[in-house]
Protein backbone atom coordinates (compact mmCIF):
# COMPACT_ATOMS: atom_id res chain seq x y z
CA UNK A 1 -55.43 -23.91 -9.02
CA UNK A 2 -55.85 -22.30 -5.60
CA UNK A 3 -53.38 -22.05 -2.75
CA UNK A 4 -51.81 -25.25 -1.44
CA UNK A 5 -50.81 -23.96 2.01
CA UNK A 6 -50.43 -26.75 4.56
CA UNK A 7 -48.91 -25.12 7.65
CA UNK A 8 -46.58 -22.55 9.17
CA UNK A 9 -43.09 -23.76 10.12
CA UNK A 10 -40.65 -22.18 12.54
CA UNK A 11 -37.46 -21.29 10.70
CA UNK A 12 -35.45 -21.99 13.85
CA UNK A 13 -36.81 -25.10 15.60
CA UNK A 14 -39.05 -26.58 12.86
CA UNK A 15 -42.23 -26.57 14.96
CA UNK A 16 -45.45 -26.60 12.93
CA UNK A 17 -48.52 -24.36 13.34
CA UNK A 18 -51.93 -24.24 11.73
CA UNK A 19 -52.13 -21.70 8.89
CA UNK A 20 -54.41 -18.68 8.72
CA UNK A 21 -53.61 -16.76 11.88
CA UNK A 22 -51.67 -13.53 12.21
CA UNK A 23 -48.82 -15.03 14.26
CA UNK A 24 -45.35 -13.94 13.21
CA UNK A 25 -43.13 -15.94 15.57
CA UNK A 26 -42.76 -19.28 17.28
CA UNK A 27 -42.54 -19.33 21.10
CA UNK A 28 -38.82 -20.07 20.63
CA UNK A 29 -38.47 -16.68 18.92
CA UNK A 30 -38.00 -17.98 15.39
CA UNK A 31 -39.90 -16.31 12.53
CA UNK A 32 -42.48 -18.50 10.82
CA UNK A 33 -42.50 -19.51 7.16
CA UNK A 34 -45.50 -20.54 5.06
CA UNK A 35 -45.23 -24.09 3.75
CA UNK A 36 -47.11 -25.63 0.80
CA UNK A 37 -48.03 -29.04 -0.56
CA UNK A 38 -45.35 -28.89 -3.25
CA UNK A 39 -46.19 -32.34 -4.60
CA UNK A 40 -49.74 -31.14 -5.30
CA UNK A 41 -48.30 -28.05 -6.98
CA UNK A 42 -45.99 -30.19 -9.09
CA UNK A 43 -48.82 -32.40 -10.27
CA UNK A 44 -51.50 -29.74 -10.72
CA UNK A 45 -49.65 -26.71 -12.07
CA UNK A 46 -47.47 -26.17 -15.12
CA UNK A 47 -45.33 -23.48 -16.66
CA UNK A 48 -47.68 -23.45 -19.65
CA UNK A 49 -50.46 -22.26 -17.31
CA UNK A 50 -48.52 -19.02 -16.84
CA UNK A 51 -49.05 -18.13 -20.51
CA UNK A 52 -52.66 -17.32 -19.61
CA UNK A 53 -52.09 -15.98 -16.09
CA UNK A 54 -52.62 -12.34 -15.07
CA UNK A 55 -49.54 -10.09 -15.45
CA UNK A 56 -49.24 -9.53 -11.70
CA UNK A 57 -47.58 -11.36 -8.83
CA UNK A 58 -50.84 -13.28 -8.35
CA UNK A 59 -50.01 -15.35 -11.44
CA UNK A 60 -48.21 -17.55 -8.89
CA UNK A 61 -51.36 -18.17 -6.83
CA UNK A 62 -50.63 -21.86 -6.07
CA UNK A 63 -47.51 -20.72 -4.23
CA UNK A 64 -49.20 -17.83 -2.43
CA UNK A 65 -51.36 -17.99 0.72
CA UNK A 66 -54.64 -16.41 -0.48
CA UNK A 67 -57.54 -18.85 -0.31
CA UNK A 68 -59.00 -18.31 -3.78
CA UNK A 69 -58.86 -16.45 -7.09
CA UNK A 70 -60.37 -13.00 -7.19
CA UNK A 71 -59.72 -12.39 -3.51
CA UNK A 72 -56.44 -10.51 -3.76
CA UNK A 73 -55.96 -6.84 -2.90
CA UNK A 74 -54.07 -5.79 -5.99
CA UNK A 75 -52.98 -2.59 -7.71
CA UNK A 76 -51.13 -4.41 -10.49
CA UNK A 77 -47.96 -5.18 -8.55
CA UNK A 78 -45.34 -7.55 -9.89
CA UNK A 79 -44.03 -8.61 -13.31
CA UNK A 80 -41.61 -5.69 -13.12
CA UNK A 81 -38.93 -5.43 -15.82
CA UNK A 82 -35.72 -7.41 -15.76
CA UNK A 83 -33.46 -4.96 -17.56
CA UNK A 84 -30.15 -5.87 -19.14
CA UNK A 85 -27.29 -3.47 -18.33
CA UNK A 86 -25.10 -3.58 -21.45
CA UNK A 87 -22.92 -0.50 -20.82
CA UNK A 88 -22.33 -1.10 -17.14
CA UNK A 89 -21.88 -4.81 -17.80
CA UNK A 90 -19.22 -4.10 -20.40
CA UNK A 91 -17.33 -1.82 -18.03
CA UNK A 92 -17.56 -4.40 -15.25
CA UNK A 93 -16.43 -7.21 -17.53
CA UNK A 94 -19.72 -9.00 -17.05
CA UNK A 95 -21.86 -9.14 -20.19
CA UNK A 96 -24.72 -11.03 -18.52
CA UNK A 97 -25.65 -8.37 -15.99
CA UNK A 98 -29.27 -7.49 -15.24
CA UNK A 99 -31.28 -5.39 -12.84
CA UNK A 100 -34.70 -6.34 -11.48
CA UNK A 101 -36.30 -2.90 -11.29
CA UNK A 102 -38.98 -3.08 -8.62
CA UNK A 103 -39.11 0.69 -8.40
CA UNK A 104 -41.80 0.65 -11.09
CA UNK A 105 -44.28 -1.12 -8.79
CA UNK A 106 -47.31 0.72 -7.40
CA UNK A 107 -46.14 2.97 -4.55
CA UNK A 108 -42.65 2.86 -6.04
CA UNK A 109 -41.16 -0.21 -4.38
CA UNK A 110 -41.07 -3.97 -3.89
CA UNK A 111 -43.08 -3.33 -0.73
CA UNK A 112 -46.15 -3.32 -2.99
CA UNK A 113 -45.74 -7.10 -3.18
CA UNK A 114 -45.59 -7.49 0.58
CA UNK A 115 -48.51 -5.09 1.11
CA UNK A 116 -50.67 -6.86 -1.48
CA UNK A 117 -50.12 -10.21 0.22
CA UNK A 118 -50.57 -8.84 3.73
CA UNK A 119 -53.81 -6.94 3.11
CA UNK A 120 -55.24 -9.86 1.15
CA UNK A 121 -54.67 -12.06 4.18
CA UNK A 122 -55.79 -9.34 6.62
CA UNK A 123 -59.21 -9.26 4.95
CA UNK A 124 -59.43 -13.04 4.95
CA UNK A 125 -58.64 -13.02 8.69
CA UNK A 126 -61.38 -10.46 9.30
CA UNK A 127 -59.25 -7.50 10.40
CA UNK A 128 -61.23 -4.26 10.50
CA UNK A 129 -58.38 -1.82 11.12
CA UNK A 130 -54.59 -1.90 11.35
CA UNK A 131 -51.69 0.18 12.64
CA UNK A 132 -47.91 -0.25 12.57
CA UNK A 133 -44.55 1.45 12.31
CA UNK A 134 -42.98 1.49 8.87
CA UNK A 135 -39.88 2.83 7.18
CA UNK A 136 -40.04 5.46 4.46
CA UNK A 137 -39.99 2.90 1.64
CA UNK A 138 -42.64 0.54 3.02
CA UNK A 139 -45.01 3.22 4.31
CA UNK A 140 -46.44 4.42 0.95
CA UNK A 141 -47.23 0.84 -0.08
CA UNK A 142 -48.90 0.05 3.23
CA UNK A 143 -50.96 3.23 3.16
CA UNK A 144 -52.13 2.85 -0.44
CA UNK A 145 -52.83 -0.87 -0.26
CA UNK A 146 -54.69 -0.35 2.99
CA UNK A 147 -56.87 2.13 1.13
CA UNK A 148 -57.34 -0.35 -1.72
CA UNK A 149 -58.45 -2.95 0.84
CA UNK A 150 -60.91 -0.53 2.41
CA UNK A 151 -59.14 -1.04 5.73
CA UNK A 152 -58.48 1.94 8.03
CA UNK A 153 -54.69 2.16 8.48
CA UNK A 154 -52.50 4.30 10.75
CA UNK A 155 -48.77 4.33 10.20
CA UNK A 156 -46.01 5.75 12.36
CA UNK A 157 -43.27 7.11 10.09
CA UNK A 158 -39.68 7.82 11.11
CA UNK A 159 -38.61 11.45 11.35
CA UNK A 160 -36.27 10.89 8.38
CA UNK A 161 -39.08 9.85 6.01
CA UNK A 162 -38.87 11.66 2.69
CA UNK A 163 -41.45 14.22 1.71
CA UNK A 164 -42.60 11.94 -1.11
CA UNK A 165 -43.26 9.09 1.32
CA UNK A 166 -45.04 11.33 3.79
CA UNK A 167 -47.27 12.81 1.07
CA UNK A 168 -48.32 9.36 -0.16
CA UNK A 169 -49.22 8.27 3.37
CA UNK A 170 -51.02 11.53 4.06
CA UNK A 171 -52.98 11.36 0.80
CA UNK A 172 -54.16 7.86 1.75
CA UNK A 173 -55.26 9.16 5.15
CA UNK A 174 -52.88 6.90 7.05
CA UNK A 175 -50.59 9.27 8.97
CA UNK A 176 -50.19 8.26 12.59
CA UNK A 177 -47.72 9.36 15.24
CA UNK A 178 -44.02 9.64 14.43
CA UNK A 179 -41.95 6.52 15.05
CA UNK A 180 -38.96 6.93 17.31
CA UNK A 181 -36.24 5.90 17.36
CA UNK A 182 -35.92 6.05 13.61
CA UNK A 183 -33.86 2.85 13.29
CA UNK A 184 -36.50 0.65 14.90
CA UNK A 185 -39.32 1.41 12.48
CA UNK A 186 -38.73 -1.68 10.35
CA UNK A 187 -38.34 -4.00 13.31
CA UNK A 188 -41.56 -2.82 14.88
CA UNK A 189 -43.52 -3.39 11.69
CA UNK A 190 -41.93 -6.71 10.80
CA UNK A 191 -41.95 -8.49 14.13
CA UNK A 192 -45.49 -8.02 15.31
CA UNK A 193 -48.10 -5.87 13.61
CA UNK A 194 -46.94 -6.84 10.11
CA UNK A 195 -46.64 -10.66 10.19
CA UNK A 196 -43.36 -11.91 8.80
CA UNK A 197 -44.78 -14.98 6.98
CA UNK A 198 -46.98 -12.95 4.63
CA UNK A 199 -44.33 -10.30 4.07
CA UNK A 200 -41.90 -12.99 2.91
CA UNK A 201 -44.54 -14.59 0.66
CA UNK A 202 -45.23 -11.32 -1.13
CA UNK A 203 -41.54 -10.60 -1.66
CA UNK A 204 -40.98 -14.21 -2.73
CA UNK A 205 -42.58 -13.32 -6.04
CA UNK A 206 -39.44 -11.33 -6.88
CA UNK A 207 -37.56 -14.63 -7.12
CA UNK A 208 -40.38 -16.38 -8.97
CA UNK A 209 -40.40 -13.62 -11.58
CA UNK A 210 -36.62 -13.62 -12.01
CA UNK A 211 -36.76 -17.36 -12.68
CA UNK A 212 -39.61 -17.02 -15.19
CA UNK A 213 -38.06 -14.02 -16.94
CA UNK A 214 -34.78 -15.93 -17.32
CA UNK A 215 -36.69 -18.90 -18.77
CA UNK A 216 -36.12 -21.00 -15.66
CA UNK A 217 -32.33 -20.76 -15.96
CA UNK A 218 -31.36 -19.02 -12.69
CA UNK A 219 -28.52 -16.50 -12.75
CA UNK A 220 -25.21 -17.34 -11.14
CA UNK A 221 -25.83 -14.74 -8.45
CA UNK A 222 -28.50 -12.39 -7.11
CA UNK A 223 -27.49 -9.32 -5.11
CA UNK A 224 -30.31 -8.28 -2.79
CA UNK A 225 -30.41 -5.31 -0.38
CA UNK A 226 -31.14 -6.65 3.10
CA UNK A 227 -32.61 -4.74 6.02
CA UNK A 228 -34.99 -7.03 7.86
CA UNK A 229 -34.02 -9.61 5.23
CA UNK A 230 -37.55 -10.57 4.12
CA UNK A 231 -36.73 -9.96 0.47
CA UNK A 232 -33.63 -12.14 0.54
CA UNK A 233 -35.46 -14.91 2.41
CA UNK A 234 -38.32 -14.66 -0.07
CA UNK A 235 -36.00 -15.00 -3.07
CA UNK A 236 -34.29 -18.00 -1.48
CA UNK A 237 -37.69 -19.57 -0.75
CA UNK A 238 -38.81 -19.00 -4.35
CA UNK A 239 -35.91 -20.96 -5.80
CA UNK A 240 -36.22 -23.65 -3.13
CA UNK A 241 -39.88 -24.21 -4.04
CA UNK A 242 -39.27 -24.04 -7.81
CA UNK A 243 -36.55 -26.67 -7.47
CA UNK A 244 -38.92 -28.89 -5.49
CA UNK A 245 -41.57 -28.81 -8.24
CA UNK A 246 -38.98 -29.42 -10.95
CA UNK A 247 -39.22 -26.14 -12.82
CA UNK A 248 -35.56 -25.07 -12.72
CA UNK A 249 -33.20 -25.95 -15.56
CA UNK A 250 -30.12 -25.46 -13.36
CA UNK A 251 -29.29 -25.05 -9.68
CA UNK A 252 -30.31 -22.09 -7.52
CA UNK A 253 -28.27 -18.86 -7.52
CA UNK A 254 -25.71 -17.68 -5.02
CA UNK A 255 -27.29 -15.03 -2.80
CA UNK A 256 -25.45 -11.94 -1.59
CA UNK A 257 -26.81 -9.61 1.10
CA UNK A 258 -26.28 -5.94 0.29
CA UNK A 259 -25.86 -3.64 3.30
CA UNK A 260 -24.61 -0.17 4.20
CA UNK A 261 -21.39 0.41 6.12
CA UNK A 262 -23.37 2.46 8.62
CA UNK A 263 -25.74 -0.45 9.33
CA UNK A 264 -24.27 -3.87 8.60
CA UNK A 265 -25.25 -6.46 11.23
CA UNK A 266 -25.37 -9.29 8.67
CA UNK A 267 -21.96 -8.41 7.23
CA UNK A 268 -20.46 -8.27 10.71
CA UNK A 269 -21.88 -11.66 11.72
CA UNK A 270 -20.99 -13.28 8.39
CA UNK A 271 -17.39 -12.13 8.48
CA UNK A 272 -16.97 -13.20 12.11
CA UNK A 273 -18.43 -16.64 11.45
CA UNK A 274 -21.33 -16.10 13.86
CA UNK A 275 -24.71 -17.83 13.71
CA UNK A 276 -26.60 -14.79 15.05
CA UNK A 277 -26.22 -11.04 14.60
CA UNK A 278 -25.48 -8.49 17.26
CA UNK A 279 -27.81 -5.49 17.10
CA UNK A 280 -26.13 -2.61 15.27
CA UNK A 281 -25.63 0.11 17.89
CA UNK A 282 -26.25 3.26 15.83
CA UNK A 283 -27.75 2.53 12.39
CA UNK A 284 -26.99 5.31 9.93
CA UNK A 285 -27.50 5.22 6.17
CA UNK A 286 -29.38 7.15 3.50
CA UNK A 287 -30.96 3.84 2.36
CA UNK A 288 -34.12 3.66 4.47
CA UNK A 289 -35.14 0.07 3.72
CA UNK A 290 -31.81 -1.40 4.86
CA UNK A 291 -31.54 0.71 8.02
CA UNK A 292 -32.46 -2.17 10.35
CA UNK A 293 -30.45 -2.68 13.52
CA UNK A 294 -31.28 -6.38 13.77
CA UNK A 295 -32.83 -8.49 10.98
CA UNK A 296 -35.96 -10.43 11.92
CA UNK A 297 -34.53 -13.79 10.83
CA UNK A 298 -30.80 -13.23 11.24
CA UNK A 299 -29.90 -16.87 11.83
CA UNK A 300 -31.94 -18.04 8.82
CA UNK A 301 -30.42 -15.36 6.57
CA UNK A 302 -26.87 -16.28 7.58
CA UNK A 303 -27.60 -19.95 6.85
CA UNK A 304 -28.98 -19.01 3.44
CA UNK A 305 -25.93 -16.92 2.54
CA UNK A 306 -23.53 -19.68 3.52
CA UNK A 307 -25.43 -22.60 2.02
CA UNK A 308 -25.90 -20.80 -1.31
CA UNK A 309 -22.20 -19.95 -1.59
CA UNK A 310 -22.94 -16.24 -1.42
CA UNK A 311 -21.99 -13.69 1.19
CA UNK A 312 -22.66 -10.31 2.78
CA UNK A 313 -20.93 -7.06 1.82
CA UNK A 314 -21.41 -3.41 2.81
CA UNK A 315 -20.66 -0.19 0.94
CA UNK A 316 -20.65 3.46 1.94
CA UNK A 317 -23.49 5.86 1.29
CA UNK A 318 -21.28 7.72 -1.18
CA UNK A 319 -20.61 4.55 -3.15
CA UNK A 320 -24.28 3.59 -3.35
CA UNK A 321 -25.33 7.07 -4.43
CA UNK A 322 -22.57 7.21 -7.07
CA UNK A 323 -23.73 3.86 -8.43
CA UNK A 324 -27.41 4.88 -8.42
CA UNK A 325 -26.56 7.96 -10.47
CA UNK A 326 -24.53 5.81 -12.87
CA UNK A 327 -27.53 3.53 -13.37
CA UNK A 328 -29.61 6.57 -14.34
CA UNK A 329 -27.01 8.07 -16.67
CA UNK A 330 -25.75 4.88 -18.31
CA UNK A 331 -28.86 2.70 -18.43
CA UNK A 332 -31.88 4.95 -17.78
CA UNK A 333 -32.83 3.25 -14.51
CA UNK A 334 -33.56 5.73 -11.69
CA UNK A 335 -32.72 3.42 -8.83
CA UNK A 336 -32.87 3.92 -5.10
CA UNK A 337 -29.67 4.10 -3.04
CA UNK A 338 -30.31 0.44 -2.19
CA UNK A 339 -30.28 -0.43 -5.90
CA UNK A 340 -27.10 1.58 -6.29
CA UNK A 341 -25.57 -0.40 -3.44
CA UNK A 342 -26.24 -3.62 -5.35
CA UNK A 343 -24.21 -2.30 -8.29
CA UNK A 344 -21.40 -1.05 -6.06
CA UNK A 345 -21.13 -4.49 -4.46
CA UNK A 346 -21.22 -6.22 -7.85
CA UNK A 347 -18.08 -4.31 -8.75
CA UNK A 348 -16.46 -5.39 -5.49
CA UNK A 349 -17.27 -9.02 -6.23
CA UNK A 350 -15.75 -8.71 -9.71
CA UNK A 351 -12.60 -7.04 -8.41
CA UNK A 352 -12.13 -9.78 -5.81
CA UNK A 353 -12.68 -12.53 -8.39
CA UNK A 354 -15.74 -13.89 -6.57
CA UNK A 355 -17.80 -13.40 -9.73
CA UNK A 356 -16.24 -13.92 -13.16
CA UNK A 357 -16.94 -12.80 -16.70
CA UNK A 358 -18.68 -16.11 -17.36
CA UNK A 359 -21.17 -15.57 -14.54
CA UNK A 360 -24.58 -13.97 -14.86
CA UNK A 361 -25.92 -11.72 -12.12
CA UNK A 362 -29.14 -9.93 -11.21
CA UNK A 363 -29.09 -6.77 -9.11
CA UNK A 364 -32.24 -6.10 -7.12
CA UNK A 365 -33.42 -2.50 -7.09
CA UNK A 366 -36.14 -2.53 -4.42
CA UNK A 367 -37.38 1.03 -4.83
CA UNK A 368 -37.53 4.01 -7.14
CA UNK A 369 -35.17 6.95 -6.79
CA UNK A 370 -38.34 9.07 -6.75
CA UNK A 371 -38.84 8.02 -3.11
CA UNK A 372 -35.56 9.76 -2.23
CA UNK A 373 -35.86 13.40 -3.40
CA UNK A 374 -33.89 14.82 -0.46
CA UNK A 375 -31.03 12.35 -0.95
CA UNK A 376 -30.58 13.11 -4.65
CA UNK A 377 -31.08 16.85 -4.10
CA UNK A 378 -27.83 16.88 -2.13
CA UNK A 379 -26.04 15.98 -5.36
CA UNK A 380 -28.30 18.01 -7.64
CA UNK A 381 -29.47 21.14 -5.82
CA UNK A 382 -31.95 23.28 -7.69
CA UNK A 383 -32.27 26.99 -7.05
CA UNK A 384 -35.49 28.90 -7.68
CA UNK A 385 -34.94 30.79 -10.94
CA UNK A 386 -38.46 31.72 -11.96
CA UNK A 387 -41.81 32.64 -10.50
CA UNK A 388 -43.07 29.14 -11.26
CA UNK A 389 -40.15 27.55 -9.36
CA UNK A 390 -40.76 29.78 -6.35
CA UNK A 391 -44.38 28.63 -6.23
CA UNK A 392 -43.42 24.96 -6.43
CA UNK A 393 -44.65 24.69 -10.01
CA UNK A 394 -48.16 25.87 -9.19
CA UNK A 395 -49.36 28.84 -11.27
CA UNK A 396 -52.79 30.26 -10.63
CA UNK A 397 -54.63 32.84 -12.80
CA UNK A 398 -54.49 36.43 -11.65
């Protein structure tokens, strides 16, 4: 079964647009969402079909915008592990605690999903080259998937981009000019050059996979790091569409936005009861993918948090790094600071009684700790103790 896309829909005013173009926003300013013929999906697709589907995010093709099988730009993204956290869960008094580890994706992050969807659509739209600003987590995925698509790509990276991220972009031949100011890199990529609708659709597969991996019994709560908010919107959209086609055994999960204290526009608006966010004046956090001064779809995200019975909470950089290290030492998951933030906020929710022992929860780790060598080196400095160390591990014959 191929895609069932019917139209784009403005998330703010509801206006409809023809599908297939690169537009990201409605004239009213609202981000667009891809809409499908869900009745056709319900009648023509089944969960049994997935038993023979490819082990990538493209197993959900009827709910993705590509126009046909075999047309996707793929490096094997998706179907990442949903890992139970028995030791941390026991300490938190929450035995049904899991982490969706998207750090094992190609390019080390959930952005592989978004990049796969975007470059698939870019080729279908006939693009011959592409350039954008991108944060340090998204940039490697964009560079490498651009190469996989055979599309010349130039990316402007923020000055704070890690050496790992820069090397991946450089190796793919996609280094452009530096992006300044650093905090606007995500907004520049998400609001224009990198169309929001396709970014959300790629990240939506996170939610589709969580549902499938939990045998269509959604968890009580999902904690999702939120910068521009595309991942959180995608997860919400996944469960909305699965409910519409009758695949869910129970109701959708409560959604919680995970932010940093140094950049928390959603938390600020949520706590003040606002419908829109104020731009964060000086975004500062070690977590690159949630360092966004103003989310692309702030009003939609706030509606999602409230309607799902979730919320928005921020933690300090120290807390998220402590939690990321605990995930590595206790459970063997080398998570990003963003993934650590999800765990730190889970503990807050347990302490405040918002989540109980009877609840199940999934933490989203959107990126690998390997994308953050400088951040973890602050905690674990390594001095050069041998000739091999001094040469960066490279030994050549004399």
